[in-house]
Amino acid sequence: MEAVLMREEAVARPEGGKHVKLNVTLKSITSLAENINAFEFVSSDCGPLPAFSAGSHVDVHLPGSTIRQYSLCNSPAERHRYVVAVLRDASGRGGSVAMHDNLRVGQKLVISAPRNHFALEESARTHVFIAGGIGITPIMSMLAEVQRRGEQFHLFYCARTPERTAFLDRLKPLIDRGLVSLHFDDGDPQKGLDLTATLTKRSDNAHLYYCGPGRFMDAIEKASAHWPAGTRHCERFSASGTVAPSIDSSSRDGQERPVPFELELRRAQKTFTVQAEESIVDVLRANGVEVDTSCCEGYCGTCMTRYLEGEPLHRDTVLDEEDREEFVMICCSRSKSGKLVLDL
C-alpha cells in the first residue's frame, strides 16, 4: 500500500489496548445510487461526536459480532453526525449486505471513534483525486476540506454508469466548474479513464489520492510509478498481497517459515506462546482475551495494538514507519524477536 498517512489528532489511538467506542443511533438511510445507501449516525446522547479529519473511517459493529470499516463521506467540519456510504455487494464478506438488509432507522449501534489511514498531505497545495466506484466515499470528505482551505484540486471519478454513481447531485457544481471529470465505462476498462495519459505529467507539489477496486488501484499504481516517493496515497478494500511472512533465519533450505515466539500481556500479567501456525489473535482468543478484528489481513486497522518491548515483524499495509515504532496489527503481524510484549 502506497505511503499511507496517519495523523496524531486524527487517529483514535488504542486506550489500554482498546479503541474508543461510541454509542450511536442510526438517524437516516438514504439511497444515493443503484445498490448504494448513505447511513447517517448521530450520538445516542445527542451530544457532539469526536472530530475527524478528511479521509477518516469508522468501525461499525454489526449484529452477530461482525465489524466492518466504512469511510466518512460528510464534511470534517460537522460534529453532529457521521455519514458513510455503502455499496451492497452480494459477493463480499457480508458486512454490506447486513448494512443494507438488516439496519433500520432508529437502531442503536456501536462504532469506533474515527481513525485516519488516508489523510490529506498538509504540505500539498495541489491535489489529484481518482475514485473508482464506491472508492469515492473517503474522497468526498477530502473534497470538502480542500475547498475549505482554498487549495487546487481535480477529481477523476470512474464508474460503470450514471445510475451506479453516488453523489452526483453533490458533485454537480464542481462538475460544472470543470473540477470533476466523470468517466463511465459500462464495465469495459478499455472505455474508461486513460490512466497513463492522466498521470504522465505531475504539477509541482501535487499529491495523488486514489481509492477503488483492487485492479483499478493496481493500474493507478503502475501509471503513477514515476511520481516522487511520498506523493501517492491510497486506501484499499483488501490486502495488497505484498506483505512478507515471518522468516526462520536458521532455515538451511532457503524456505521462508514462520517461527514460534513468546507473547506477554504486560497489564494482564500473562504469557503465551504463539506457534508457527497461529496468529496472535488466535492465541489471545483461545485464552479468553477479547480482541476486535475485521479484515484479518492487515489493511483495516481495527486490531491496532500498542507494544512495549520486542521487535514486531509488521505485515500490515496501514501503519507508517513512525507508527510502527509504537503499534502493531496483531491480526497478521508476528515477531522478529523471541518475545513480544503488548500493552494488554
C-alpha atoms as a PDB file:
ATOM      1  CA  MET A   1       0.000   0.000   0.000  1.00  0.00           C
ATOM      2  CA  GLU A   2       1.433   3.328  -1.057  1.00  0.00           C
ATOM      3  CA  ALA A   3       2.549   5.798   1.610  1.00  0.00           C
ATOM      4  CA  VAL A   4      -0.477   5.606   3.864  1.00  0.00           C
ATOM      5  CA  LEU A   5      -0.582   8.548   6.290  1.00  0.00           C
ATOM      6  CA  MET A   6      -1.754   8.785   9.876  1.00  0.00           C
ATOM      7  CA  ARG A   7      -2.028  11.927  11.991  1.00  0.00           C
ATOM      8  CA  GLU A   8      -1.969  12.050  15.776  1.00  0.00           C
ATOM      9  CA  GLU A   9      -5.028  14.277  16.072  1.00  0.00           C
ATOM     10  CA  ALA A  10      -6.953  12.261  13.505  1.00  0.00           C
ATOM     11  CA  VAL A  11      -6.411   8.745  14.815  1.00  0.00           C
ATOM     12  CA  ALA A  12      -8.327   7.044  17.591  1.00  0.00           C
ATOM     13  CA  ARG A  13      -5.380   5.548  19.423  1.00  0.00           C
ATOM     14  CA  PRO A  14      -5.959   2.414  21.471  1.00  0.00           C
ATOM     15  CA  GLU A  15      -6.595   3.245  25.115  1.00  0.00           C
ATOM     16  CA  GLY A  16      -5.359   0.434  27.305  1.00  0.00           C
ATOM     17  CA  GLY A  17      -5.089  -1.687  24.172  1.00  0.00           C
ATOM     18  CA  LYS A  18      -8.659  -0.918  23.058  1.00  0.00           C
ATOM     19  CA  HIS A  19     -10.053   1.598  20.586  1.00  0.00           C
ATOM     20  CA  VAL A  20     -12.542   4.198  21.760  1.00  0.00           C
ATOM     21  CA  LYS A  21     -16.120   3.044  21.127  1.00  0.00           C
ATOM     22  CA  LEU A  22     -19.139   5.268  20.640  1.00  0.00           C
ATOM     23  CA  ASN A  23     -22.847   4.615  21.154  1.00  0.00           C
ATOM     24  CA  VAL A  24     -24.763   5.971  18.181  1.00  0.00           C
ATOM     25  CA  THR A  25     -28.233   5.947  16.677  1.00  0.00           C
ATOM     26  CA  LEU A  26     -28.919   5.398  13.004  1.00  0.00           C
ATOM     27  CA  LYS A  27     -30.803   8.600  12.147  1.00  0.00           C
ATOM     28  CA  SER A  28     -31.409   8.104   8.431  1.00  0.00           C
ATOM     29  CA  ILE A  29     -30.852   5.830   5.444  1.00  0.00           C
ATOM     30  CA  THR A  30     -30.777   7.486   2.024  1.00  0.00           C
ATOM     31  CA  SER A  31     -30.464   5.945  -1.427  1.00  0.00           C
ATOM     32  CA  LEU A  32     -27.569   7.535  -3.350  1.00  0.00           C
ATOM     33  CA  ALA A  33     -27.459   5.316  -6.427  1.00  0.00           C
ATOM     34  CA  GLU A  34     -28.214   1.775  -7.522  1.00  0.00           C
ATOM     35  CA  ASN A  35     -27.336  -0.502  -4.543  1.00  0.00           C
ATOM     36  CA  ILE A  36     -25.622   2.376  -2.701  1.00  0.00           C
ATOM     37  CA  ASN A  37     -27.115   3.780   0.513  1.00  0.00           C
ATOM     38  CA  ALA A  38     -25.930   6.522   2.866  1.00  0.00           C
ATOM     39  CA  PHE A  39     -26.199   5.796   6.601  1.00  0.00           C
ATOM     40  CA  GLU A  40     -26.266   8.765   8.979  1.00  0.00           C
ATOM     41  CA  PHE A  41     -25.227   8.180  12.602  1.00  0.00           C
ATOM     42  CA  VAL A  42     -25.731  10.592  15.495  1.00  0.00           C
ATOM     43  CA  SER A  43     -24.642  10.317  19.116  1.00  0.00           C
ATOM     44  CA  SER A  44     -27.143   8.418  21.256  1.00  0.00           C
ATOM     45  CA  ASP A  45     -26.800  11.057  23.987  1.00  0.00           C
ATOM     46  CA  CYS A  46     -27.472  13.874  21.470  1.00  0.00           C
ATOM     47  CA  GLY A  47     -24.043  15.387  22.110  1.00  0.00           C
ATOM     48  CA  PRO A  48     -21.281  16.233  19.611  1.00  0.00           C
ATOM     49  CA  LEU A  49     -19.260  13.434  18.105  1.00  0.00           C
ATOM     50  CA  PRO A  50     -15.441  13.368  18.183  1.00  0.00           C
ATOM     51  CA  ALA A  51     -13.827  15.499  15.489  1.00  0.00           C
ATOM     52  CA  PHE A  52     -12.447  13.723  12.430  1.00  0.00           C
ATOM     53  CA  SER A  53     -10.160  14.636   9.559  1.00  0.00           C
ATOM     54  CA  ALA A  54     -10.746  14.132   5.837  1.00  0.00           C
ATOM     55  CA  GLY A  55     -10.158  10.523   4.796  1.00  0.00           C
ATOM     56  CA  SER A  56     -11.137   9.013   8.166  1.00  0.00           C
ATOM     57  CA  HIS A  57     -13.130   5.836   8.639  1.00  0.00           C
ATOM     58  CA  VAL A  58     -15.037   4.204  11.496  1.00  0.00           C
ATOM     59  CA  ASP A  59     -15.552   0.596  12.543  1.00  0.00           C
ATOM     60  CA  VAL A  60     -19.240  -0.313  12.558  1.00  0.00           C
ATOM     61  CA  HIS A  61     -20.133  -3.120  14.965  1.00  0.00           C
ATOM     62  CA  LEU A  62     -22.957  -5.021  13.302  1.00  0.00           C
ATOM     63  CA  PRO A  63     -25.234  -7.647  14.866  1.00  0.00           C
ATOM     64  CA  GLY A  64     -23.551 -11.034  15.087  1.00  0.00           C
ATOM     65  CA  SER A  65     -20.151  -9.657  16.160  1.00  0.00           C
ATOM     66  CA  THR A  66     -19.320  -8.520  12.632  1.00  0.00           C
ATOM     67  CA  ILE A  67     -17.086  -5.441  12.382  1.00  0.00           C
ATOM     68  CA  ARG A  68     -16.637  -3.550   9.145  1.00  0.00           C
ATOM     69  CA  GLN A  69     -14.870  -0.305   8.226  1.00  0.00           C
ATOM     70  CA  TYR A  70     -16.579   2.469   6.279  1.00  0.00           C
ATOM     71  CA  SER A  71     -15.155   5.835   5.265  1.00  0.00           C
ATOM     72  CA  LEU A  72     -16.825   9.021   6.453  1.00  0.00           C
ATOM     73  CA  CYS A  73     -18.133  10.976   3.468  1.00  0.00           C
ATOM     74  CA  ASN A  74     -19.517  14.090   5.143  1.00  0.00           C
ATOM     75  CA  SER A  75     -17.587  17.277   5.857  1.00  0.00           C
ATOM     76  CA  PRO A  76     -14.987  17.133   8.655  1.00  0.00           C
ATOM     77  CA  ALA A  77     -16.455  20.427   9.870  1.00  0.00           C
ATOM     78  CA  GLU A  78     -19.553  18.557  11.063  1.00  0.00           C
ATOM     79  CA  ARG A  79     -19.608  17.346  14.663  1.00  0.00           C
ATOM     80  CA  HIS A  80     -23.288  16.419  14.904  1.00  0.00           C
ATOM     81  CA  ARG A  81     -23.180  13.373  12.619  1.00  0.00           C
ATOM     82  CA  TYR A  82     -21.117  10.770  10.803  1.00  0.00           C
ATOM     83  CA  VAL A  83     -22.228   9.639   7.329  1.00  0.00           C
ATOM     84  CA  VAL A  84     -20.978   6.556   5.485  1.00  0.00           C
ATOM     85  CA  ALA A  85     -21.953   5.291   2.031  1.00  0.00           C
ATOM     86  CA  VAL A  86     -22.115   1.544   1.437  1.00  0.00           C
ATOM     87  CA  LEU A  87     -22.389  -0.458  -1.779  1.00  0.00           C
ATOM     88  CA  ARG A  88     -24.394  -3.644  -1.307  1.00  0.00           C
ATOM     89  CA  ASP A  89     -22.020  -6.355  -2.510  1.00  0.00           C
ATOM     90  CA  ALA A  90     -23.659  -9.768  -2.521  1.00  0.00           C
ATOM     91  CA  SER A  91     -20.283 -11.411  -3.240  1.00  0.00           C
ATOM     92  CA  GLY A  92     -18.498  -9.656  -0.372  1.00  0.00           C
ATOM     93  CA  ARG A  93     -17.863 -10.748   3.207  1.00  0.00           C
ATOM     94  CA  GLY A  94     -21.409  -9.993   4.375  1.00  0.00           C
ATOM     95  CA  GLY A  95     -20.984  -6.597   6.001  1.00  0.00           C
ATOM     96  CA  SER A  96     -22.515  -4.536   3.220  1.00  0.00           C
ATOM     97  CA  VAL A  97     -25.456  -6.917   2.888  1.00  0.00           C
ATOM     98  CA  ALA A  98     -26.089  -6.658   6.634  1.00  0.00           C
ATOM     99  CA  MET A  99     -25.928  -2.859   6.452  1.00  0.00           C
ATOM    100  CA  HIS A 100     -28.490  -2.750   3.639  1.00  0.00           C
ATOM    101  CA  ASP A 101     -30.793  -5.557   4.693  1.00  0.00           C
ATOM    102  CA  ASN A 102     -30.753  -5.530   8.480  1.00  0.00           C
ATOM    103  CA  LEU A 103     -30.260  -1.976   9.722  1.00  0.00           C
ATOM    104  CA  ARG A 104     -33.258   0.226  10.439  1.00  0.00           C
ATOM    105  CA  VAL A 105     -33.665   3.923  11.227  1.00  0.00           C
ATOM    106  CA  GLY A 106     -33.650   4.432  14.991  1.00  0.00           C
ATOM    107  CA  GLN A 107     -31.457   1.395  15.644  1.00  0.00           C
ATOM    108  CA  LYS A 108     -28.766   1.684  18.325  1.00  0.00           C
ATOM    109  CA  LEU A 109     -25.248   0.671  17.290  1.00  0.00           C
ATOM    110  CA  VAL A 110     -21.668   0.807  18.485  1.00  0.00           C
ATOM    111  CA  ILE A 111     -18.978   2.317  16.274  1.00  0.00           C
ATOM    112  CA  SER A 112     -15.362   3.266  16.827  1.00  0.00           C
ATOM    113  CA  ALA A 113     -14.100   6.803  17.046  1.00  0.00           C
ATOM    114  CA  PRO A 114     -12.721   7.861  13.641  1.00  0.00           C
ATOM    115  CA  ARG A 115      -9.258   6.724  12.567  1.00  0.00           C
ATOM    116  CA  ASN A 116      -7.347   8.088   9.602  1.00  0.00           C
ATOM    117  CA  HIS A 117      -5.031   5.977   7.471  1.00  0.00           C
ATOM    118  CA  PHE A 118      -5.682   8.079   4.357  1.00  0.00           C
ATOM    119  CA  ALA A 119      -5.084  11.694   5.311  1.00  0.00           C
ATOM    120  CA  LEU A 120      -4.540  14.715   3.110  1.00  0.00           C
ATOM    121  CA  GLU A 121      -0.922  15.818   2.877  1.00  0.00           C
ATOM    122  CA  GLU A 122      -0.572  19.099   4.768  1.00  0.00           C
ATOM    123  CA  SER A 123       2.285  20.381   2.605  1.00  0.00           C
ATOM    124  CA  ALA A 124       0.442  19.813  -0.686  1.00  0.00           C
ATOM    125  CA  ARG A 125      -1.248  22.701  -2.463  1.00  0.00           C
ATOM    126  CA  THR A 126      -2.497  20.724  -5.455  1.00  0.00           C
ATOM    127  CA  HIS A 127      -4.480  17.514  -5.028  1.00  0.00           C
ATOM    128  CA  VAL A 128      -5.322  14.935  -7.704  1.00  0.00           C
ATOM    129  CA  PHE A 129      -8.088  12.525  -6.715  1.00  0.00           C
ATOM    130  CA  ILE A 130      -9.042   9.338  -8.578  1.00  0.00           C
ATOM    131  CA  ALA A 131     -12.063   7.372  -7.393  1.00  0.00           C
ATOM    132  CA  GLY A 132     -13.350   4.073  -8.708  1.00  0.00           C
ATOM    133  CA  GLY A 133     -16.971   3.293  -7.838  1.00  0.00           C
ATOM    134  CA  ILE A 134     -17.607   3.265  -4.090  1.00  0.00           C
ATOM    135  CA  GLY A 135     -13.996   4.402  -3.636  1.00  0.00           C
ATOM    136  CA  ILE A 136     -15.468   7.911  -3.856  1.00  0.00           C
ATOM    137  CA  THR A 137     -16.524   7.763  -0.174  1.00  0.00           C
ATOM    138  CA  PRO A 138     -13.320   8.942   1.586  1.00  0.00           C
ATOM    139  CA  ILE A 139     -12.637  11.401  -1.202  1.00  0.00           C
ATOM    140  CA  MET A 140     -15.926  13.228  -0.596  1.00  0.00           C
ATOM    141  CA  SER A 141     -14.699  14.416   2.791  1.00  0.00           C
ATOM    142  CA  MET A 142     -11.357  15.328   1.218  1.00  0.00           C
ATOM    143  CA  LEU A 143     -13.093  17.489  -1.378  1.00  0.00           C
ATOM    144  CA  ALA A 144     -14.922  19.370   1.358  1.00  0.00           C
ATOM    145  CA  GLU A 145     -11.648  20.017   3.171  1.00  0.00           C
ATOM    146  CA  VAL A 146      -9.576  21.199   0.201  1.00  0.00           C
ATOM    147  CA  GLN A 147     -12.386  23.573  -0.767  1.00  0.00           C
ATOM    148  CA  ARG A 148     -12.416  24.950   2.772  1.00  0.00           C
ATOM    149  CA  ARG A 149      -8.650  25.504   2.509  1.00  0.00           C
ATOM    150  CA  GLY A 150      -8.919  27.090  -0.924  1.00  0.00           C
ATOM    151  CA  GLU A 151      -6.451  24.640  -2.478  1.00  0.00           C
ATOM    152  CA  GLN A 152      -6.323  23.429  -6.075  1.00  0.00           C
ATOM    153  CA  PHE A 153      -7.743  20.009  -6.912  1.00  0.00           C
ATOM    154  CA  HIS A 154      -9.239  17.828  -9.592  1.00  0.00           C
ATOM    155  CA  LEU A 155     -11.278  14.648  -9.214  1.00  0.00           C
ATOM    156  CA  PHE A 156     -11.388  11.904 -11.832  1.00  0.00           C
ATOM    157  CA  TYR A 157     -14.457   9.836 -10.921  1.00  0.00           C
ATOM    158  CA  CYS A 158     -14.788   6.459 -12.663  1.00  0.00           C
ATOM    159  CA  ALA A 159     -17.917   4.290 -12.570  1.00  0.00           C
ATOM    160  CA  ARG A 160     -19.886   1.897 -14.742  1.00  0.00           C
ATOM    161  CA  THR A 161     -22.974   4.002 -15.400  1.00  0.00           C
ATOM    162  CA  PRO A 162     -24.564   7.216 -14.072  1.00  0.00           C
ATOM    163  CA  GLU A 163     -27.199   5.088 -12.326  1.00  0.00           C
ATOM    164  CA  ARG A 164     -24.437   3.406 -10.263  1.00  0.00           C
ATOM    165  CA  THR A 165     -22.644   6.644  -9.417  1.00  0.00           C
ATOM    166  CA  ALA A 166     -23.088   8.078  -5.917  1.00  0.00           C
ATOM    167  CA  PHE A 167     -23.057  11.790  -5.007  1.00  0.00           C
ATOM    168  CA  LEU A 168     -23.754  13.139  -8.493  1.00  0.00           C
ATOM    169  CA  ASP A 169     -26.060  15.824  -7.055  1.00  0.00           C
ATOM    170  CA  ARG A 170     -23.424  16.993  -4.572  1.00  0.00           C
ATOM    171  CA  LEU A 171     -20.724  16.978  -7.229  1.00  0.00           C
ATOM    172  CA  LYS A 172     -22.702  18.801  -9.918  1.00  0.00           C
ATOM    173  CA  PRO A 173     -21.427  22.307  -9.017  1.00  0.00           C
ATOM    174  CA  LEU A 174     -17.837  21.042  -9.216  1.00  0.00           C
ATOM    175  CA  ILE A 175     -18.559  19.218 -12.476  1.00  0.00           C
ATOM    176  CA  ASP A 176     -19.966  22.434 -13.937  1.00  0.00           C
ATOM    177  CA  ARG A 177     -16.783  24.289 -12.889  1.00  0.00           C
ATOM    178  CA  GLY A 178     -14.556  21.684 -14.547  1.00  0.00           C
ATOM    179  CA  LEU A 179     -13.114  20.447 -11.253  1.00  0.00           C
ATOM    180  CA  VAL A 180     -14.603  16.947 -11.550  1.00  0.00           C
ATOM    181  CA  SER A 181     -14.362  14.677 -14.598  1.00  0.00           C
ATOM    182  CA  LEU A 182     -16.762  11.743 -14.932  1.00  0.00           C
ATOM    183  CA  HIS A 183     -15.750   8.574 -16.763  1.00  0.00           C
ATOM    184  CA  PHE A 184     -18.277   5.784 -17.414  1.00  0.00           C
ATOM    185  CA  ASP A 185     -17.016   2.521 -18.911  1.00  0.00           C
ATOM    186  CA  ASP A 186     -20.116   0.279 -18.712  1.00  0.00           C
ATOM    187  CA  GLY A 187     -17.873  -2.445 -17.295  1.00  0.00           C
ATOM    188  CA  ASP A 188     -15.284  -2.265 -20.087  1.00  0.00           C
ATOM    189  CA  PRO A 189     -11.936  -0.876 -18.807  1.00  0.00           C
ATOM    190  CA  GLN A 190     -10.959  -0.016 -22.391  1.00  0.00           C
ATOM    191  CA  LYS A 191     -13.671   2.656 -22.357  1.00  0.00           C
ATOM    192  CA  GLY A 192     -12.586   4.148 -19.062  1.00  0.00           C
ATOM    193  CA  LEU A 193     -10.124   6.808 -17.967  1.00  0.00           C
ATOM    194  CA  ASP A 194      -6.728   6.686 -19.675  1.00  0.00           C
ATOM    195  CA  LEU A 195      -4.637   6.485 -16.514  1.00  0.00           C
ATOM    196  CA  THR A 196      -1.296   6.686 -18.280  1.00  0.00           C
ATOM    197  CA  ALA A 197      -2.198   9.897 -20.061  1.00  0.00           C
ATOM    198  CA  THR A 198      -3.781  11.331 -16.922  1.00  0.00           C
ATOM    199  CA  LEU A 199      -0.802  10.675 -14.678  1.00  0.00           C
ATOM    200  CA  THR A 200       2.140  11.171 -17.051  1.00  0.00           C
ATOM    201  CA  LYS A 201       2.631  14.806 -16.042  1.00  0.00           C
ATOM    202  CA  ARG A 202       2.684  15.943 -12.426  1.00  0.00           C
ATOM    203  CA  SER A 203       2.257  19.532 -11.320  1.00  0.00           C
ATOM    204  CA  ASP A 204       4.744  20.885  -8.797  1.00  0.00           C
ATOM    205  CA  ASN A 205       3.827  19.974  -5.237  1.00  0.00           C
ATOM    206  CA  ALA A 206       0.889  17.831  -6.391  1.00  0.00           C
ATOM    207  CA  HIS A 207      -0.182  14.780  -4.416  1.00  0.00           C
ATOM    208  CA  LEU A 208      -2.248  11.870  -5.701  1.00  0.00           C
ATOM    209  CA  TYR A 209      -5.021  10.158  -3.716  1.00  0.00           C
ATOM    210  CA  TYR A 210      -6.856   7.115  -5.030  1.00  0.00           C
ATOM    211  CA  CYS A 211      -9.345   4.517  -3.849  1.00  0.00           C
ATOM    212  CA  GLY A 212     -11.367   1.802  -5.561  1.00  0.00           C
ATOM    213  CA  PRO A 213     -11.348  -1.882  -6.554  1.00  0.00           C
ATOM    214  CA  GLY A 214      -8.077  -3.802  -6.442  1.00  0.00           C
ATOM    215  CA  ARG A 215      -7.293  -3.992 -10.159  1.00  0.00           C
ATOM    216  CA  PHE A 216      -8.168  -0.334 -10.570  1.00  0.00           C
ATOM    217  CA  MET A 217      -5.762   0.528  -7.759  1.00  0.00           C
ATOM    218  CA  ASP A 218      -3.020  -1.622  -9.268  1.00  0.00           C
ATOM    219  CA  ALA A 219      -3.423   0.148 -12.610  1.00  0.00           C
ATOM    220  CA  ILE A 220      -3.128   3.559 -10.935  1.00  0.00           C
ATOM    221  CA  GLU A 221      -0.007   2.496  -9.065  1.00  0.00           C
ATOM    222  CA  LYS A 222       1.573   1.348 -12.313  1.00  0.00           C
ATOM    223  CA  ALA A 223       0.616   4.526 -14.186  1.00  0.00           C
ATOM    224  CA  SER A 224       1.940   6.761 -11.377  1.00  0.00           C
ATOM    225  CA  ALA A 225       5.111   4.811 -10.597  1.00  0.00           C
ATOM    226  CA  HIS A 226       7.261   7.757 -11.717  1.00  0.00           C
ATOM    227  CA  TRP A 227       5.733  10.136  -9.153  1.00  0.00           C
ATOM    228  CA  PRO A 228       8.171  11.042  -6.341  1.00  0.00           C
ATOM    229  CA  ALA A 229       8.151   8.958  -3.184  1.00  0.00           C
ATOM    230  CA  GLY A 230       5.630  10.156  -0.638  1.00  0.00           C
ATOM    231  CA  THR A 231       3.321  11.861  -3.149  1.00  0.00           C
ATOM    232  CA  ARG A 232       0.949   8.931  -3.697  1.00  0.00           C
ATOM    233  CA  HIS A 233      -1.636   7.949  -1.097  1.00  0.00           C
ATOM    234  CA  CYS A 234      -4.293   5.265  -1.251  1.00  0.00           C
ATOM    235  CA  GLU A 235      -6.742   3.196   0.724  1.00  0.00           C
ATOM    236  CA  ARG A 236      -7.573  -0.365  -0.256  1.00  0.00           C
ATOM    237  CA  PHE A 237     -10.642  -2.500   0.322  1.00  0.00           C
ATOM    238  CA  SER A 238      -8.440  -5.603   0.650  1.00  0.00           C
ATOM    239  CA  ALA A 239      -4.850  -6.545   1.321  1.00  0.00           C
ATOM    240  CA  SER A 240      -2.366  -5.789  -1.449  1.00  0.00           C
ATOM    241  CA  GLY A 241      -0.653  -9.156  -1.187  1.00  0.00           C
ATOM    242  CA  THR A 242       2.789  -7.620  -0.741  1.00  0.00           C
ATOM    243  CA  VAL A 243       3.377  -8.408   2.929  1.00  0.00           C
ATOM    244  CA  ALA A 244       6.178 -10.777   3.874  1.00  0.00           C
ATOM    245  CA  PRO A 245       5.913 -13.796   6.176  1.00  0.00           C
ATOM    246  CA  SER A 246       7.935 -14.278   9.321  1.00  0.00           C
ATOM    247  CA  ILE A 247      11.254 -15.952   8.476  1.00  0.00           C
ATOM    248  CA  ASP A 248      13.204 -18.551  10.447  1.00  0.00           C
ATOM    249  CA  SER A 249      16.746 -17.270   9.961  1.00  0.00           C
ATOM    250  CA  SER A 250      18.133 -20.696  10.864  1.00  0.00           C
ATOM    251  CA  SER A 251      16.427 -22.352   7.913  1.00  0.00           C
ATOM    252  CA  ARG A 252      19.007 -24.089   5.735  1.00  0.00           C
ATOM    253  CA  ASP A 253      16.888 -24.802   2.702  1.00  0.00           C
ATOM    254  CA  GLY A 254      16.126 -21.179   1.952  1.00  0.00           C
ATOM    255  CA  GLN A 255      12.413 -21.619   2.614  1.00  0.00           C
ATOM    256  CA  GLU A 256      10.552 -18.905   4.485  1.00  0.00           C
ATOM    257  CA  ARG A 257       8.944 -20.285   7.627  1.00  0.00           C
ATOM    258  CA  PRO A 258       7.033 -18.647  10.467  1.00  0.00           C
ATOM    259  CA  VAL A 259       8.603 -19.426  13.843  1.00  0.00           C
ATOM    260  CA  PRO A 260       7.119 -19.574  17.364  1.00  0.00           C
ATOM    261  CA  PHE A 261       7.607 -16.669  19.740  1.00  0.00           C
ATOM    262  CA  GLU A 262       6.610 -15.695  23.269  1.00  0.00           C
ATOM    263  CA  LEU A 263       3.784 -13.208  23.742  1.00  0.00           C
ATOM    264  CA  GLU A 264       3.463 -11.283  27.011  1.00  0.00           C
ATOM    265  CA  LEU A 265       0.423  -9.258  28.031  1.00  0.00           C
ATOM    266  CA  ARG A 266       2.018  -6.781  30.417  1.00  0.00           C
ATOM    267  CA  ARG A 267      -1.049  -5.445  32.238  1.00  0.00           C
ATOM    268  CA  ALA A 268      -2.790  -8.822  32.407  1.00  0.00           C
ATOM    269  CA  GLN A 269       0.486 -10.435  33.577  1.00  0.00           C
ATOM    270  CA  LYS A 270       0.012 -13.364  31.243  1.00  0.00           C
ATOM    271  CA  THR A 271       2.412 -15.044  28.833  1.00  0.00           C
ATOM    272  CA  PHE A 272       1.585 -17.329  25.918  1.00  0.00           C
ATOM    273  CA  THR A 273       3.440 -18.999  23.066  1.00  0.00           C
ATOM    274  CA  VAL A 274       2.398 -18.162  19.522  1.00  0.00           C
ATOM    275  CA  GLN A 275       3.125 -21.218  17.404  1.00  0.00           C
ATOM    276  CA  ALA A 276       4.207 -21.035  13.763  1.00  0.00           C
ATOM    277  CA  GLU A 277       0.734 -21.901  12.502  1.00  0.00           C
ATOM    278  CA  GLU A 278      -1.087 -19.480  14.827  1.00  0.00           C
ATOM    279  CA  SER A 279      -1.715 -15.744  14.750  1.00  0.00           C
ATOM    280  CA  ILE A 280      -1.506 -13.502  17.790  1.00  0.00           C
ATOM    281  CA  VAL A 281      -5.275 -13.075  17.623  1.00  0.00           C
ATOM    282  CA  ASP A 282      -5.776 -16.861  17.534  1.00  0.00           C
ATOM    283  CA  VAL A 283      -3.780 -17.247  20.733  1.00  0.00           C
ATOM    284  CA  LEU A 284      -5.469 -14.366  22.525  1.00  0.00           C
ATOM    285  CA  ARG A 285      -8.965 -15.603  21.741  1.00  0.00           C
ATOM    286  CA  ALA A 286      -8.071 -19.169  22.659  1.00  0.00           C
ATOM    287  CA  ASN A 287      -7.108 -17.841  26.087  1.00  0.00           C
ATOM    288  CA  GLY A 288     -10.222 -15.760  26.628  1.00  0.00           C
ATOM    289  CA  VAL A 289      -8.801 -12.357  25.672  1.00  0.00           C
ATOM    290  CA  GLU A 290     -11.339 -10.220  23.796  1.00  0.00           C
ATOM    291  CA  VAL A 291      -9.972  -8.749  20.558  1.00  0.00           C
ATOM    292  CA  ASP A 292     -11.790  -6.764  17.864  1.00  0.00           C
ATOM    293  CA  THR A 293     -10.859  -7.720  14.296  1.00  0.00           C
ATOM    294  CA  SER A 294     -12.367  -7.305  10.861  1.00  0.00           C
ATOM    295  CA  CYS A 295     -10.193  -7.854   7.791  1.00  0.00           C
ATOM    296  CA  CYS A 296      -7.597 -10.149   9.466  1.00  0.00           C
ATOM    297  CA  GLU A 297      -5.242  -9.198   6.626  1.00  0.00           C
ATOM    298  CA  GLY A 298      -3.690  -6.005   7.962  1.00  0.00           C
ATOM    299  CA  TYR A 299      -5.444  -3.310   5.935  1.00  0.00           C
ATOM    300  CA  CYS A 300      -8.296  -2.062   8.142  1.00  0.00           C
ATOM    301  CA  GLY A 301      -6.613  -1.012  11.402  1.00  0.00           C
ATOM    302  CA  THR A 302      -9.223  -2.486  13.747  1.00  0.00           C
ATOM    303  CA  CYS A 303      -6.741  -4.557  15.766  1.00  0.00           C
ATOM    304  CA  MET A 304      -4.029  -1.884  16.120  1.00  0.00           C
ATOM    305  CA  THR A 305      -2.359  -2.506  19.492  1.00  0.00           C
ATOM    306  CA  ARG A 306       0.467  -0.788  21.355  1.00  0.00           C
ATOM    307  CA  TYR A 307       3.546  -2.895  22.059  1.00  0.00           C
ATOM    308  CA  LEU A 308       6.058  -2.195  24.826  1.00  0.00           C
ATOM    309  CA  GLU A 309       9.027  -4.469  24.106  1.00  0.00           C
ATOM    310  CA  GLY A 310      10.321  -6.674  21.324  1.00  0.00           C
ATOM    311  CA  GLU A 311      10.613  -6.197  17.578  1.00  0.00           C
ATOM    312  CA  PRO A 312       7.427  -6.863  15.611  1.00  0.00           C
ATOM    313  CA  LEU A 313       7.506  -8.251  12.103  1.00  0.00           C
ATOM    314  CA  HIS A 314       4.971  -5.850  10.619  1.00  0.00           C
ATOM    315  CA  ARG A 315       2.848  -7.376   7.886  1.00  0.00           C
ATOM    316  CA  ASP A 316       0.135  -4.725   7.594  1.00  0.00           C
ATOM    317  CA  THR A 317      -0.400  -2.203   4.813  1.00  0.00           C
ATOM    318  CA  VAL A 318      -1.611   0.606   7.075  1.00  0.00           C
ATOM    319  CA  LEU A 319       0.981   1.831   9.574  1.00  0.00           C
ATOM    320  CA  ASP A 320       3.759   4.198   8.569  1.00  0.00           C
ATOM    321  CA  GLU A 321       7.286   3.922   9.965  1.00  0.00           C
ATOM    322  CA  GLU A 322       6.627   6.275  12.879  1.00  0.00           C
ATOM    323  CA  ASP A 323       3.517   4.381  13.951  1.00  0.00           C
ATOM    324  CA  ARG A 324       5.351   1.078  13.680  1.00  0.00           C
ATOM    325  CA  GLU A 325       7.654   2.186  16.462  1.00  0.00           C
ATOM    326  CA  GLU A 326       4.670   2.054  18.829  1.00  0.00           C
ATOM    327  CA  PHE A 327       1.872  -0.050  17.323  1.00  0.00           C
ATOM    328  CA  VAL A 328       1.389  -3.441  15.669  1.00  0.00           C
ATOM    329  CA  MET A 329      -1.525  -5.023  13.812  1.00  0.00           C
ATOM    330  CA  ILE A 330      -1.975  -8.252  15.744  1.00  0.00           C
ATOM    331  CA  CYS A 331      -4.209  -9.967  13.181  1.00  0.00           C
ATOM    332  CA  CYS A 332      -1.369 -10.604  10.747  1.00  0.00           C
ATOM    333  CA  SER A 333       1.951  -9.470  12.221  1.00  0.00           C
ATOM    334  CA  ARG A 334       4.385 -11.667  14.113  1.00  0.00           C
ATOM    335  CA  SER A 335       7.641 -11.066  15.975  1.00  0.00           C
ATOM    336  CA  LYS A 336      11.246 -10.891  14.840  1.00  0.00           C
ATOM    337  CA  SER A 337      12.357 -11.126  18.458  1.00  0.00           C
ATOM    338  CA  GLY A 338      11.832 -14.152  20.662  1.00  0.00           C
ATOM    339  CA  LYS A 339       9.399 -12.187  22.811  1.00  0.00           C
ATOM    340  CA  LEU A 340       6.826  -9.516  22.056  1.00  0.00           C
ATOM    341  CA  VAL A 341       5.223  -7.550  24.897  1.00  0.00           C
ATOM    342  CA  LEU A 342       1.806  -5.975  24.292  1.00  0.00           C
ATOM    343  CA  ASP A 343       0.085  -3.247  26.295  1.00  0.00           C
ATOM    344  CA  LEU A 344      -2.802  -5.557  27.188  1.00  0.00           C
END
